Amino acid sequence: MILFPHYIEYASLFLNYVGRIASIVFVIIIAFISLNVIVGYVRLETKLRGFMFLILLFVILILIIDITTLSTEVREALAWGIGIGIALMIAIFSIWYFFHDIIEKKYS
């Protein structure tokens, strides 16, 4: 910074971007570790564990979209689309998980 004072703005932007990336990576690591701990303590079915990882991956995708250099409108549209997709996925999975016996009897 002493040798090239006119690059201070670029260095600041670079450090800000690296900080955002590091925080996202830290959140991702903590999320996977906590999910593995929860799965270890609670005996879950394989399908339910896979579903939890799928939801976690979609949430991570939203975090990654946040650090990209897309325009605000595109980022907002992607976040809304992924959010609606996650909500529909949770609703459909919940209906299947809790009512699959009734559904199988009705359509078998």
N, C-alpha and C. Protein backbone atom coordinates (compact mmCIF):
# COMPACT_ATOMS: atom_id res chain seq x y z
N MET A 1 0.82 -1.19 0.00
CA MET A 1 0.00 0.00 0.00
C MET A 1 0.87 1.26 0.00
N ILE A 2 2.04 1.16 0.57
CA ILE A 2 2.92 2.32 0.60
C ILE A 2 3.49 2.61 -0.78
N LEU A 3 3.82 1.55 -1.52
CA LEU A 3 4.42 1.72 -2.83
C LEU A 3 3.42 2.17 -3.88
N PHE A 4 2.21 1.68 -3.81
CA PHE A 4 1.19 2.00 -4.82
C PHE A 4 -0.09 2.49 -4.15
N PRO A 5 -0.12 3.73 -3.71
CA PRO A 5 -1.31 4.22 -2.99
C PRO A 5 -2.56 4.33 -3.87
N HIS A 6 -2.41 4.40 -5.19
CA HIS A 6 -3.57 4.53 -6.04
C HIS A 6 -4.30 3.19 -6.22
N TYR A 7 -3.73 2.09 -5.72
CA TYR A 7 -4.39 0.78 -5.78
C TYR A 7 -5.09 0.42 -4.47
N ILE A 8 -5.21 1.35 -3.57
CA ILE A 8 -5.84 1.08 -2.27
C ILE A 8 -7.30 0.71 -2.46
N GLU A 9 -7.98 1.36 -3.38
CA GLU A 9 -9.40 1.04 -3.62
C GLU A 9 -9.55 -0.39 -4.14
N TYR A 10 -8.69 -0.81 -5.05
CA TYR A 10 -8.75 -2.17 -5.58
C TYR A 10 -8.41 -3.20 -4.50
N ALA A 11 -7.44 -2.87 -3.69
CA ALA A 11 -7.07 -3.78 -2.60
C ALA A 11 -8.22 -3.90 -1.60
N SER A 12 -8.89 -2.81 -1.33
CA SER A 12 -10.04 -2.85 -0.42
C SER A 12 -11.17 -3.70 -0.99
N LEU A 13 -11.46 -3.54 -2.28
CA LEU A 13 -12.49 -4.36 -2.92
C LEU A 13 -12.11 -5.83 -2.91
N PHE A 14 -10.84 -6.11 -3.17
CA PHE A 14 -10.35 -7.49 -3.16
C PHE A 14 -10.49 -8.12 -1.77
N LEU A 15 -10.07 -7.39 -0.74
CA LEU A 15 -10.19 -7.92 0.62
C LEU A 15 -11.64 -8.10 1.03
N ASN A 16 -12.51 -7.22 0.61
CA ASN A 16 -13.94 -7.36 0.89
C ASN A 16 -14.49 -8.63 0.24
N TYR A 17 -14.13 -8.86 -1.02
CA TYR A 17 -14.61 -10.04 -1.74
C TYR A 17 -14.05 -11.32 -1.13
N VAL A 18 -12.78 -11.33 -0.79
CA VAL A 18 -12.17 -12.52 -0.16
C VAL A 18 -12.82 -12.78 1.20
N GLY A 19 -13.13 -11.74 1.94
CA GLY A 19 -13.81 -11.91 3.22
C GLY A 19 -15.20 -12.52 3.06
N ARG A 20 -15.92 -12.08 2.03
CA ARG A 20 -17.25 -12.66 1.78
C ARG A 20 -17.14 -14.13 1.40
N ILE A 21 -16.18 -14.47 0.56
CA ILE A 21 -15.98 -15.87 0.17
C ILE A 21 -15.60 -16.71 1.38
N ALA A 22 -14.69 -16.20 2.20
CA ALA A 22 -14.27 -16.95 3.39
C ALA A 22 -15.44 -17.16 4.35
N SER A 23 -16.30 -16.17 4.50
CA SER A 23 -17.44 -16.34 5.41
C SER A 23 -18.42 -17.37 4.87
N ILE A 24 -18.64 -17.39 3.55
CA ILE A 24 -19.54 -18.38 2.95
C ILE A 24 -18.97 -19.78 3.13
N VAL A 25 -17.67 -19.94 2.90
CA VAL A 25 -17.03 -21.25 3.08
C VAL A 25 -17.14 -21.69 4.53
N PHE A 26 -16.95 -20.77 5.46
CA PHE A 26 -17.06 -21.10 6.88
C PHE A 26 -18.49 -21.54 7.23
N VAL A 27 -19.49 -20.84 6.71
CA VAL A 27 -20.89 -21.20 6.97
C VAL A 27 -21.20 -22.58 6.38
N ILE A 28 -20.68 -22.86 5.19
CA ILE A 28 -20.92 -24.15 4.56
C ILE A 28 -20.31 -25.27 5.38
N ILE A 29 -19.09 -25.09 5.84
CA ILE A 29 -18.42 -26.12 6.65
C ILE A 29 -19.18 -26.34 7.95
N ILE A 30 -19.57 -25.27 8.62
CA ILE A 30 -20.33 -25.40 9.88
C ILE A 30 -21.67 -26.09 9.63
N ALA A 31 -22.34 -25.77 8.52
CA ALA A 31 -23.64 -26.39 8.22
C ALA A 31 -23.49 -27.89 8.00
N PHE A 32 -22.48 -28.31 7.23
CA PHE A 32 -22.29 -29.74 6.99
C PHE A 32 -21.89 -30.48 8.27
N ILE A 33 -21.05 -29.87 9.07
CA ILE A 33 -20.64 -30.51 10.33
C ILE A 33 -21.83 -30.65 11.26
N SER A 34 -22.62 -29.59 11.39
CA SER A 34 -23.78 -29.67 12.29
C SER A 34 -24.81 -30.67 11.78
N LEU A 35 -25.01 -30.74 10.47
CA LEU A 35 -25.94 -31.73 9.93
C LEU A 35 -25.45 -33.15 10.18
N ASN A 36 -24.16 -33.38 10.03
CA ASN A 36 -23.61 -34.71 10.32
C ASN A 36 -23.74 -35.06 11.79
N VAL A 37 -23.56 -34.10 12.67
CA VAL A 37 -23.73 -34.35 14.11
C VAL A 37 -25.18 -34.69 14.42
N ILE A 38 -26.11 -33.94 13.84
CA ILE A 38 -27.53 -34.21 14.08
C ILE A 38 -27.90 -35.59 13.55
N VAL A 39 -27.42 -35.93 12.37
CA VAL A 39 -27.71 -37.24 11.79
C VAL A 39 -27.09 -38.34 12.64
N GLY A 40 -25.93 -38.07 13.23
CA GLY A 40 -25.27 -39.06 14.09
C GLY A 40 -26.04 -39.33 15.38
N TYR A 41 -26.61 -38.27 15.97
CA TYR A 41 -27.34 -38.44 17.22
C TYR A 41 -28.74 -39.01 17.01
N VAL A 42 -29.39 -38.58 15.96
CA VAL A 42 -30.76 -39.01 15.68
C VAL A 42 -30.70 -40.04 14.56
N ARG A 43 -31.25 -41.18 14.79
CA ARG A 43 -31.27 -42.21 13.75
C ARG A 43 -32.32 -41.84 12.71
N LEU A 44 -31.86 -41.46 11.55
CA LEU A 44 -32.77 -41.04 10.49
C LEU A 44 -32.76 -42.06 9.36
N GLU A 45 -33.87 -42.11 8.67
CA GLU A 45 -33.92 -42.95 7.49
C GLU A 45 -33.03 -42.36 6.41
N THR A 46 -32.59 -43.21 5.50
CA THR A 46 -31.69 -42.77 4.44
C THR A 46 -32.34 -41.70 3.57
N LYS A 47 -33.63 -41.86 3.27
CA LYS A 47 -34.33 -40.89 2.43
C LYS A 47 -34.42 -39.53 3.11
N LEU A 48 -34.70 -39.53 4.40
CA LEU A 48 -34.82 -38.27 5.13
C LEU A 48 -33.46 -37.59 5.25
N ARG A 49 -32.41 -38.36 5.47
CA ARG A 49 -31.07 -37.79 5.55
C ARG A 49 -30.67 -37.18 4.20
N GLY A 50 -30.96 -37.89 3.12
CA GLY A 50 -30.69 -37.35 1.79
C GLY A 50 -31.47 -36.09 1.51
N PHE A 51 -32.70 -36.04 1.98
CA PHE A 51 -33.53 -34.85 1.80
C PHE A 51 -32.94 -33.66 2.56
N MET A 52 -32.45 -33.90 3.76
CA MET A 52 -31.83 -32.83 4.54
C MET A 52 -30.59 -32.29 3.84
N PHE A 53 -29.79 -33.18 3.27
CA PHE A 53 -28.62 -32.73 2.52
C PHE A 53 -29.01 -31.95 1.27
N LEU A 54 -30.09 -32.35 0.62
CA LEU A 54 -30.56 -31.64 -0.56
C LEU A 54 -31.00 -30.22 -0.20
N ILE A 55 -31.72 -30.07 0.88
CA ILE A 55 -32.13 -28.74 1.34
C ILE A 55 -30.90 -27.91 1.68
N LEU A 56 -29.93 -28.52 2.35
CA LEU A 56 -28.70 -27.81 2.69
C LEU A 56 -27.96 -27.36 1.43
N LEU A 57 -27.94 -28.18 0.41
CA LEU A 57 -27.28 -27.79 -0.83
C LEU A 57 -27.98 -26.62 -1.51
N PHE A 58 -29.31 -26.59 -1.46
CA PHE A 58 -30.04 -25.46 -2.03
C PHE A 58 -29.78 -24.18 -1.25
N VAL A 59 -29.71 -24.27 0.06
CA VAL A 59 -29.39 -23.09 0.87
C VAL A 59 -27.98 -22.61 0.57
N ILE A 60 -27.06 -23.54 0.39
CA ILE A 60 -25.69 -23.17 0.02
C ILE A 60 -25.67 -22.49 -1.34
N LEU A 61 -26.51 -22.96 -2.26
CA LEU A 61 -26.60 -22.34 -3.58
C LEU A 61 -27.05 -20.89 -3.46
N ILE A 62 -27.99 -20.63 -2.58
CA ILE A 62 -28.43 -19.25 -2.37
C ILE A 62 -27.29 -18.40 -1.82
N LEU A 63 -26.49 -18.97 -0.90
CA LEU A 63 -25.35 -18.22 -0.38
C LEU A 63 -24.32 -17.94 -1.46
N ILE A 64 -24.09 -18.89 -2.34
CA ILE A 64 -23.13 -18.70 -3.42
C ILE A 64 -23.63 -17.65 -4.41
N ILE A 65 -24.92 -17.64 -4.68
CA ILE A 65 -25.49 -16.62 -5.56
C ILE A 65 -25.29 -15.23 -4.95
N ASP A 66 -25.31 -15.15 -3.63
CA ASP A 66 -25.16 -13.86 -2.96
C ASP A 66 -23.78 -13.24 -3.21
N ILE A 67 -22.74 -14.06 -3.37
CA ILE A 67 -21.41 -13.49 -3.55
C ILE A 67 -21.02 -13.29 -5.01
N THR A 68 -21.88 -13.70 -5.92
CA THR A 68 -21.55 -13.52 -7.33
C THR A 68 -21.72 -12.06 -7.74
N THR A 69 -21.20 -11.74 -8.89
CA THR A 69 -21.26 -10.35 -9.37
C THR A 69 -22.42 -10.14 -10.33
N LEU A 70 -23.50 -10.86 -10.11
CA LEU A 70 -24.69 -10.66 -10.93
C LEU A 70 -25.38 -9.36 -10.53
N SER A 71 -26.21 -8.88 -11.41
CA SER A 71 -26.95 -7.67 -11.07
C SER A 71 -27.95 -7.98 -9.96
N THR A 72 -28.41 -6.94 -9.32
CA THR A 72 -29.33 -7.11 -8.20
C THR A 72 -30.62 -7.79 -8.63
N GLU A 73 -31.13 -7.44 -9.79
CA GLU A 73 -32.39 -8.01 -10.26
C GLU A 73 -32.23 -9.50 -10.54
N VAL A 74 -31.12 -9.89 -11.16
CA VAL A 74 -30.90 -11.31 -11.48
C VAL A 74 -30.71 -12.11 -10.20
N ARG A 75 -29.93 -11.56 -9.27
CA ARG A 75 -29.75 -12.26 -8.00
C ARG A 75 -31.06 -12.43 -7.25
N GLU A 76 -31.87 -11.39 -7.25
CA GLU A 76 -33.16 -11.46 -6.56
C GLU A 76 -34.07 -12.49 -7.22
N ALA A 77 -34.08 -12.53 -8.55
CA ALA A 77 -34.91 -13.50 -9.26
C ALA A 77 -34.43 -14.93 -8.99
N LEU A 78 -33.13 -15.14 -8.99
CA LEU A 78 -32.60 -16.47 -8.69
C LEU A 78 -32.93 -16.89 -7.27
N ALA A 79 -32.77 -15.97 -6.33
CA ALA A 79 -33.08 -16.30 -4.94
C ALA A 79 -34.56 -16.63 -4.76
N TRP A 80 -35.44 -15.85 -5.41
CA TRP A 80 -36.88 -16.14 -5.34
C TRP A 80 -37.19 -17.50 -5.96
N GLY A 81 -36.61 -17.78 -7.11
CA GLY A 81 -36.86 -19.06 -7.77
C GLY A 81 -36.39 -20.24 -6.94
N ILE A 82 -35.21 -20.12 -6.37
CA ILE A 82 -34.70 -21.20 -5.53
C ILE A 82 -35.52 -21.33 -4.26
N GLY A 83 -35.93 -20.20 -3.69
CA GLY A 83 -36.77 -20.24 -2.49
C GLY A 83 -38.11 -20.92 -2.74
N ILE A 84 -38.74 -20.59 -3.86
CA ILE A 84 -40.01 -21.23 -4.22
C ILE A 84 -39.79 -22.71 -4.49
N GLY A 85 -38.68 -23.04 -5.15
CA GLY A 85 -38.37 -24.45 -5.40
C GLY A 85 -38.16 -25.23 -4.12
N ILE A 86 -37.46 -24.63 -3.17
CA ILE A 86 -37.25 -25.29 -1.88
C ILE A 86 -38.57 -25.49 -1.16
N ALA A 87 -39.43 -24.48 -1.19
CA ALA A 87 -40.74 -24.61 -0.52
C ALA A 87 -41.58 -25.70 -1.15
N LEU A 88 -41.61 -25.75 -2.48
CA LEU A 88 -42.37 -26.82 -3.15
C LEU A 88 -41.77 -28.19 -2.86
N MET A 89 -40.44 -28.27 -2.84
CA MET A 89 -39.79 -29.55 -2.56
C MET A 89 -40.12 -30.03 -1.15
N ILE A 90 -40.09 -29.12 -0.18
CA ILE A 90 -40.44 -29.49 1.20
C ILE A 90 -41.89 -29.93 1.28
N ALA A 91 -42.79 -29.21 0.61
CA ALA A 91 -44.21 -29.56 0.66
C ALA A 91 -44.47 -30.92 0.04
N ILE A 92 -43.91 -31.17 -1.14
CA ILE A 92 -44.14 -32.45 -1.81
C ILE A 92 -43.52 -33.60 -1.03
N PHE A 93 -42.30 -33.39 -0.51
CA PHE A 93 -41.67 -34.44 0.27
C PHE A 93 -42.44 -34.72 1.55
N SER A 94 -42.92 -33.67 2.21
CA SER A 94 -43.69 -33.86 3.45
C SER A 94 -44.98 -34.63 3.19
N ILE A 95 -45.67 -34.29 2.12
CA ILE A 95 -46.90 -35.01 1.79
C ILE A 95 -46.59 -36.47 1.52
N TRP A 96 -45.54 -36.72 0.74
CA TRP A 96 -45.17 -38.11 0.45
C TRP A 96 -44.71 -38.83 1.71
N TYR A 97 -43.89 -38.21 2.52
CA TYR A 97 -43.31 -38.87 3.69
C TYR A 97 -44.38 -39.23 4.72
N PHE A 98 -45.30 -38.31 4.97
CA PHE A 98 -46.29 -38.56 6.01
C PHE A 98 -47.52 -39.33 5.51
N PHE A 99 -47.82 -39.24 4.22
CA PHE A 99 -49.04 -39.85 3.72
C PHE A 99 -48.78 -40.90 2.65
N HIS A 100 -47.56 -41.45 2.53
CA HIS A 100 -47.28 -42.39 1.44
C HIS A 100 -48.08 -43.69 1.58
N ASP A 101 -48.39 -44.09 2.80
CA ASP A 101 -49.21 -45.30 2.98
C ASP A 101 -50.61 -45.10 2.42
N ILE A 102 -51.21 -43.97 2.72
CA ILE A 102 -52.56 -43.68 2.23
C ILE A 102 -52.56 -43.53 0.71
N ILE A 103 -51.55 -42.85 0.18
CA ILE A 103 -51.47 -42.66 -1.26
C ILE A 103 -51.29 -43.99 -1.98
N GLU A 104 -50.43 -44.87 -1.43
CA GLU A 104 -50.22 -46.18 -2.06
C GLU A 104 -51.49 -47.03 -2.03
N LYS A 105 -52.23 -46.99 -0.92
CA LYS A 105 -53.47 -47.76 -0.83
C LYS A 105 -54.52 -47.24 -1.81
N LYS A 106 -54.60 -45.93 -1.94
CA LYS A 106 -55.62 -45.35 -2.80
C LYS A 106 -55.36 -45.62 -4.28
N TYR A 107 -54.11 -45.58 -4.70
CA TYR A 107 -53.79 -45.73 -6.12
C TYR A 107 -53.24 -47.11 -6.47
N SER A 108 -53.28 -48.04 -5.56
CA SER A 108 -52.83 -49.41 -5.87
C SER A 108 -53.95 -50.31 -6.29
